[in-house]
Amino acid sequence: MPSKEFETLPNIYLVGPMGAGKTTVGRHLAELLGREFLDSDHEIERKTGATIPWIFEKEGEPGFRARETVVINELTLRPQLVLATGGGAVTQAPNRDYLKNRGIVVYLYTPVEIQLQRTYRDKNRPLLQVENPEQKLKELLALRDPLYRDVAHHIIETNQGAARDLAQRILTLILPQNKFS
C-alpha cells in the first residue's frame, strides 16, 4: 500500500515522443503511487467514440489538437493522477501551460532508433503512416524535443531499464530526499 507521503505529491504528467513508453511507465508509476492512471489519447477516443486515426482523417491534425487541448485541460484539473500525454501534446502552448503549472512533468527521452523499434508495426499512429517513418520520427523529435525539455521538470532516458524500473527512477527524482525504497 502506498504511504501517506504520496498523497501530497502533485499530479505527474509524462511527456515524450511516440514509442517512449509513457503509457506503460505511467501504469507502473500509478500502481506504485496508488493513483489513477489515464492516457490522454485513450481519453480522447473514449469521449469521442472515434479512433485517433479516424479523427485525423476527418478533422486533420488541427481538429485532433483542439480536442486534445480540451481533454488535457480537464484531466490536469483532477487530483491524484498519473497522466500519459500524446507525443504531440506539447506542440500546443495551452497544453504546455496546463502540464507545467498543474503538476510534475517528466520527459521520457527516447532515441529515434528505439522509437522506430517500438512503433514500426503500429497502424494507430497517423503521423507514421508515411513512406519513411524513421525520417518522420527524426523530424518530429527535432521539432518537439525543445518543447519537451521546456515543459519538463525532470528528464529520464528510457533506453535503460524496464518500465517498472523507470517508474521507480521517476519516484526517486520527484520524492523529497529520495524517500522511496
C-alpha atoms as a PDB file:
ATOM      1  CA  MET A   1       0.000   0.000   0.000  1.00  0.00           C
ATOM      2  CA  PRO A   2       1.381   3.429  -0.891  1.00  0.00           C
ATOM      3  CA  SER A   3       2.495   5.587   2.004  1.00  0.00           C
ATOM      4  CA  LYS A   4       0.823   8.822   3.072  1.00  0.00           C
ATOM      5  CA  GLU A   5       3.712  10.876   1.689  1.00  0.00           C
ATOM      6  CA  PHE A   6       2.488  10.115  -1.845  1.00  0.00           C
ATOM      7  CA  GLU A   7      -0.831  11.846  -1.153  1.00  0.00           C
ATOM      8  CA  THR A   8       0.892  15.226  -1.027  1.00  0.00           C
ATOM      9  CA  LEU A   9       2.608  14.812  -4.382  1.00  0.00           C
ATOM     10  CA  PRO A  10       1.091  16.796  -7.224  1.00  0.00           C
ATOM     11  CA  ASN A  11      -0.123  15.057 -10.355  1.00  0.00           C
ATOM     12  CA  ILE A  12       2.560  13.502 -12.525  1.00  0.00           C
ATOM     13  CA  TYR A  13       2.474  14.027 -16.281  1.00  0.00           C
ATOM     14  CA  LEU A  14       4.578  12.037 -18.717  1.00  0.00           C
ATOM     15  CA  VAL A  15       5.600  13.649 -21.998  1.00  0.00           C
ATOM     16  CA  GLY A  16       7.768  12.400 -24.821  1.00  0.00           C
ATOM     17  CA  PRO A  17       7.668  11.033 -28.336  1.00  0.00           C
ATOM     18  CA  MET A  18       5.566   8.125 -29.523  1.00  0.00           C
ATOM     19  CA  GLY A  19       7.194   4.889 -28.507  1.00  0.00           C
ATOM     20  CA  ALA A  20       8.766   6.393 -25.378  1.00  0.00           C
ATOM     21  CA  GLY A  21       6.733   4.103 -23.129  1.00  0.00           C
ATOM     22  CA  LYS A  22       4.632   6.818 -21.493  1.00  0.00           C
ATOM     23  CA  THR A  23       1.581   4.564 -21.096  1.00  0.00           C
ATOM     24  CA  THR A  24       3.490   1.537 -19.820  1.00  0.00           C
ATOM     25  CA  VAL A  25       5.696   3.518 -17.430  1.00  0.00           C
ATOM     26  CA  GLY A  26       2.680   5.576 -16.352  1.00  0.00           C
ATOM     27  CA  ARG A  27       0.715   2.472 -15.387  1.00  0.00           C
ATOM     28  CA  HIS A  28       3.595   1.231 -13.239  1.00  0.00           C
ATOM     29  CA  LEU A  29       4.064   4.656 -11.677  1.00  0.00           C
ATOM     30  CA  ALA A  30       0.362   4.936 -10.842  1.00  0.00           C
ATOM     31  CA  GLU A  31       0.432   1.477  -9.296  1.00  0.00           C
ATOM     32  CA  LEU A  32       3.443   2.377  -7.123  1.00  0.00           C
ATOM     33  CA  LEU A  33       1.713   5.581  -6.000  1.00  0.00           C
ATOM     34  CA  GLY A  34      -1.754   4.067  -5.586  1.00  0.00           C
ATOM     35  CA  ARG A  35      -3.151   6.586  -8.063  1.00  0.00           C
ATOM     36  CA  GLU A  36      -5.421   6.620 -11.049  1.00  0.00           C
ATOM     37  CA  PHE A  37      -3.662   6.331 -14.419  1.00  0.00           C
ATOM     38  CA  LEU A  38      -5.025   7.899 -17.595  1.00  0.00           C
ATOM     39  CA  ASP A  39      -3.715   8.285 -21.125  1.00  0.00           C
ATOM     40  CA  SER A  40      -4.899  11.457 -22.873  1.00  0.00           C
ATOM     41  CA  ASP A  41      -5.135   9.715 -26.263  1.00  0.00           C
ATOM     42  CA  HIS A  42      -7.320   6.961 -24.797  1.00  0.00           C
ATOM     43  CA  GLU A  43      -9.499   9.591 -23.113  1.00  0.00           C
ATOM     44  CA  ILE A  44      -9.968  11.412 -26.433  1.00  0.00           C
ATOM     45  CA  GLU A  45     -11.068   8.141 -28.045  1.00  0.00           C
ATOM     46  CA  ARG A  46     -13.382   7.339 -25.123  1.00  0.00           C
ATOM     47  CA  LYS A  47     -15.020  10.785 -25.196  1.00  0.00           C
ATOM     48  CA  THR A  48     -15.454  10.932 -28.967  1.00  0.00           C
ATOM     49  CA  GLY A  49     -16.200   7.276 -29.642  1.00  0.00           C
ATOM     50  CA  ALA A  50     -13.742   7.512 -32.520  1.00  0.00           C
ATOM     51  CA  THR A  51     -10.185   6.343 -33.043  1.00  0.00           C
ATOM     52  CA  ILE A  52      -7.342   8.818 -33.334  1.00  0.00           C
ATOM     53  CA  PRO A  53      -6.635   7.791 -36.958  1.00  0.00           C
ATOM     54  CA  TRP A  54     -10.303   8.458 -37.782  1.00  0.00           C
ATOM     55  CA  ILE A  55     -10.182  11.898 -36.103  1.00  0.00           C
ATOM     56  CA  PHE A  56      -7.001  12.736 -38.049  1.00  0.00           C
ATOM     57  CA  GLU A  57      -8.640  11.585 -41.292  1.00  0.00           C
ATOM     58  CA  LYS A  58     -11.881  13.549 -40.780  1.00  0.00           C
ATOM     59  CA  GLU A  59     -10.652  16.646 -38.927  1.00  0.00           C
ATOM     60  CA  GLY A  60      -6.934  16.735 -39.671  1.00  0.00           C
ATOM     61  CA  GLU A  61      -4.260  17.341 -37.095  1.00  0.00           C
ATOM     62  CA  PRO A  62      -5.692  20.782 -36.095  1.00  0.00           C
ATOM     63  CA  GLY A  63      -9.046  19.177 -35.202  1.00  0.00           C
ATOM     64  CA  PHE A  64      -7.336  16.500 -33.175  1.00  0.00           C
ATOM     65  CA  ARG A  65      -5.119  19.024 -31.364  1.00  0.00           C
ATOM     66  CA  ALA A  66      -8.168  21.128 -30.423  1.00  0.00           C
ATOM     67  CA  ARG A  67      -9.815  18.048 -28.887  1.00  0.00           C
ATOM     68  CA  GLU A  68      -6.562  17.146 -27.153  1.00  0.00           C
ATOM     69  CA  THR A  69      -6.290  20.583 -25.524  1.00  0.00           C
ATOM     70  CA  VAL A  70      -9.811  20.315 -24.086  1.00  0.00           C
ATOM     71  CA  VAL A  71      -9.056  16.865 -22.656  1.00  0.00           C
ATOM     72  CA  ILE A  72      -5.672  17.841 -21.194  1.00  0.00           C
ATOM     73  CA  ASN A  73      -7.235  20.876 -19.529  1.00  0.00           C
ATOM     74  CA  GLU A  74      -9.924  18.684 -17.956  1.00  0.00           C
ATOM     75  CA  LEU A  75      -7.546  15.907 -16.891  1.00  0.00           C
ATOM     76  CA  THR A  76      -4.924  18.193 -15.341  1.00  0.00           C
ATOM     77  CA  LEU A  77      -7.600  19.598 -13.027  1.00  0.00           C
ATOM     78  CA  ARG A  78      -8.234  16.155 -11.500  1.00  0.00           C
ATOM     79  CA  PRO A  79      -6.381  15.226  -8.293  1.00  0.00           C
ATOM     80  CA  GLN A  80      -4.097  12.258  -7.559  1.00  0.00           C
ATOM     81  CA  LEU A  81      -3.434  11.393 -11.190  1.00  0.00           C
ATOM     82  CA  VAL A  82      -0.658   9.992 -13.350  1.00  0.00           C
ATOM     83  CA  LEU A  83      -1.227  11.086 -16.951  1.00  0.00           C
ATOM     84  CA  ALA A  84       0.486   9.953 -20.133  1.00  0.00           C
ATOM     85  CA  THR A  85       0.120  12.527 -22.903  1.00  0.00           C
ATOM     86  CA  GLY A  86       0.213  12.040 -26.638  1.00  0.00           C
ATOM     87  CA  GLY A  87       3.548  12.692 -28.349  1.00  0.00           C
ATOM     88  CA  GLY A  88       2.381  15.949 -29.901  1.00  0.00           C
ATOM     89  CA  ALA A  89       0.542  17.376 -26.895  1.00  0.00           C
ATOM     90  CA  VAL A  90       3.426  19.768 -26.195  1.00  0.00           C
ATOM     91  CA  THR A  91       3.029  21.428 -29.592  1.00  0.00           C
ATOM     92  CA  GLN A  92       0.115  23.452 -28.214  1.00  0.00           C
ATOM     93  CA  ALA A  93       1.040  26.290 -25.828  1.00  0.00           C
ATOM     94  CA  PRO A  94      -2.063  25.867 -23.608  1.00  0.00           C
ATOM     95  CA  ASN A  95      -1.166  22.210 -23.059  1.00  0.00           C
ATOM     96  CA  ARG A  96       2.368  23.120 -22.029  1.00  0.00           C
ATOM     97  CA  ASP A  97       0.967  25.650 -19.560  1.00  0.00           C
ATOM     98  CA  TYR A  98      -1.573  23.198 -18.091  1.00  0.00           C
ATOM     99  CA  LEU A  99       1.046  20.497 -17.670  1.00  0.00           C
ATOM    100  CA  LYS A 100       3.887  22.611 -16.306  1.00  0.00           C
ATOM    101  CA  ASN A 101       1.734  24.600 -13.877  1.00  0.00           C
ATOM    102  CA  ARG A 102      -0.530  21.831 -12.575  1.00  0.00           C
ATOM    103  CA  GLY A 103       1.889  19.033 -11.723  1.00  0.00           C
ATOM    104  CA  ILE A 104       5.290  17.457 -12.150  1.00  0.00           C
ATOM    105  CA  VAL A 105       6.252  16.855 -15.784  1.00  0.00           C
ATOM    106  CA  VAL A 106       8.658  14.049 -16.654  1.00  0.00           C
ATOM    107  CA  TYR A 107      10.079  13.856 -20.173  1.00  0.00           C
ATOM    108  CA  LEU A 108      10.763  10.281 -21.249  1.00  0.00           C
ATOM    109  CA  TYR A 109      13.576  10.882 -23.708  1.00  0.00           C
ATOM    110  CA  THR A 110      13.833   8.120 -26.300  1.00  0.00           C
ATOM    111  CA  PRO A 111      16.250   7.975 -29.258  1.00  0.00           C
ATOM    112  CA  VAL A 112      14.686   7.651 -32.707  1.00  0.00           C
ATOM    113  CA  GLU A 113      16.105   4.137 -33.194  1.00  0.00           C
ATOM    114  CA  ILE A 114      14.178   2.883 -30.165  1.00  0.00           C
ATOM    115  CA  GLN A 115      11.020   4.774 -31.151  1.00  0.00           C
ATOM    116  CA  LEU A 116      11.171   3.060 -34.538  1.00  0.00           C
ATOM    117  CA  GLN A 117      11.583  -0.401 -32.983  1.00  0.00           C
ATOM    118  CA  ARG A 118       8.593   0.188 -30.714  1.00  0.00           C
ATOM    119  CA  THR A 119       6.246   1.724 -33.311  1.00  0.00           C
ATOM    120  CA  TYR A 120       7.045   0.225 -36.723  1.00  0.00           C
ATOM    121  CA  ARG A 121       4.028  -2.116 -36.771  1.00  0.00           C
ATOM    122  CA  ASP A 122       1.550   0.203 -35.069  1.00  0.00           C
ATOM    123  CA  LYS A 123      -1.122   1.347 -37.520  1.00  0.00           C
ATOM    124  CA  ASN A 124      -2.764   3.510 -34.829  1.00  0.00           C
ATOM    125  CA  ARG A 125      -0.176   6.284 -35.281  1.00  0.00           C
ATOM    126  CA  PRO A 126      -1.379   8.552 -38.089  1.00  0.00           C
ATOM    127  CA  LEU A 127       1.803  10.596 -38.315  1.00  0.00           C
ATOM    128  CA  LEU A 128       3.835   7.448 -39.057  1.00  0.00           C
ATOM    129  CA  GLN A 129       1.735   6.280 -41.982  1.00  0.00           C
ATOM    130  CA  VAL A 130       4.314   7.664 -44.387  1.00  0.00           C
ATOM    131  CA  GLU A 131       6.891   6.211 -46.768  1.00  0.00           C
ATOM    132  CA  ASN A 132       9.834   6.829 -44.416  1.00  0.00           C
ATOM    133  CA  PRO A 133       8.744   6.552 -40.745  1.00  0.00           C
ATOM    134  CA  GLU A 134      12.317   6.894 -39.476  1.00  0.00           C
ATOM    135  CA  GLN A 135      12.730  10.252 -41.213  1.00  0.00           C
ATOM    136  CA  LYS A 136       9.345  11.368 -39.838  1.00  0.00           C
ATOM    137  CA  LEU A 137      10.386  10.406 -36.284  1.00  0.00           C
ATOM    138  CA  LYS A 138      13.630  12.383 -36.705  1.00  0.00           C
ATOM    139  CA  GLU A 139      11.705  15.434 -37.921  1.00  0.00           C
ATOM    140  CA  LEU A 140       9.190  15.189 -35.074  1.00  0.00           C
ATOM    141  CA  LEU A 141      11.908  14.827 -32.445  1.00  0.00           C
ATOM    142  CA  ALA A 142      13.832  17.797 -33.860  1.00  0.00           C
ATOM    143  CA  LEU A 143      10.690  19.953 -33.583  1.00  0.00           C
ATOM    144  CA  ARG A 144       9.373  18.621 -30.285  1.00  0.00           C
ATOM    145  CA  ASP A 145      12.477  17.893 -28.193  1.00  0.00           C
ATOM    146  CA  PRO A 146      12.945  21.577 -27.245  1.00  0.00           C
ATOM    147  CA  LEU A 147       9.267  21.711 -26.209  1.00  0.00           C
ATOM    148  CA  TYR A 148       9.532  18.536 -24.116  1.00  0.00           C
ATOM    149  CA  ARG A 149      12.628  19.938 -22.411  1.00  0.00           C
ATOM    150  CA  ASP A 150      10.967  23.304 -21.819  1.00  0.00           C
ATOM    151  CA  VAL A 151       7.910  21.818 -20.110  1.00  0.00           C
ATOM    152  CA  ALA A 152       9.755  19.092 -18.158  1.00  0.00           C
ATOM    153  CA  HIS A 153      10.722  19.308 -14.523  1.00  0.00           C
ATOM    154  CA  HIS A 154      12.721  16.070 -14.943  1.00  0.00           C
ATOM    155  CA  ILE A 155      14.165  14.102 -17.872  1.00  0.00           C
ATOM    156  CA  ILE A 156      14.585  10.304 -17.865  1.00  0.00           C
ATOM    157  CA  GLU A 157      16.252   8.338 -20.659  1.00  0.00           C
ATOM    158  CA  THR A 158      14.121   5.314 -21.498  1.00  0.00           C
ATOM    159  CA  ASN A 159      16.717   3.179 -23.250  1.00  0.00           C
ATOM    160  CA  GLN A 160      17.988   1.738 -19.955  1.00  0.00           C
ATOM    161  CA  GLY A 161      15.761  -0.442 -17.783  1.00  0.00           C
ATOM    162  CA  ALA A 162      12.318  -1.980 -17.847  1.00  0.00           C
ATOM    163  CA  ALA A 163       9.180   0.128 -17.426  1.00  0.00           C
ATOM    164  CA  ARG A 164       8.851  -0.734 -13.721  1.00  0.00           C
ATOM    165  CA  ASP A 165      12.496   0.296 -13.151  1.00  0.00           C
ATOM    166  CA  LEU A 166      11.861   3.579 -14.956  1.00  0.00           C
ATOM    167  CA  ALA A 167       8.803   4.220 -12.773  1.00  0.00           C
ATOM    168  CA  GLN A 168      10.915   3.681  -9.656  1.00  0.00           C
ATOM    169  CA  ARG A 169      13.618   6.009 -11.034  1.00  0.00           C
ATOM    170  CA  ILE A 170      10.962   8.675 -11.555  1.00  0.00           C
ATOM    171  CA  LEU A 171       9.892   8.320  -7.934  1.00  0.00           C
ATOM    172  CA  THR A 172      13.450   8.811  -6.712  1.00  0.00           C
ATOM    173  CA  LEU A 173      13.602  12.035  -8.735  1.00  0.00           C
ATOM    174  CA  ILE A 174      10.340  13.518  -7.520  1.00  0.00           C
ATOM    175  CA  LEU A 175      10.208  12.468  -3.879  1.00  0.00           C
ATOM    176  CA  PRO A 176      11.829  14.780  -1.342  1.00  0.00           C
ATOM    177  CA  GLN A 177      15.149  13.310  -0.146  1.00  0.00           C
ATOM    178  CA  ASN A 178      14.509  10.167  -2.221  1.00  0.00           C
ATOM    179  CA  LYS A 179      12.305   8.615   0.463  1.00  0.00           C
ATOM    180  CA  PHE A 180      11.035   5.863  -1.814  1.00  0.00           C
ATOM    181  CA  SER A 181      12.509   2.442  -1.055  1.00  0.00           C
END
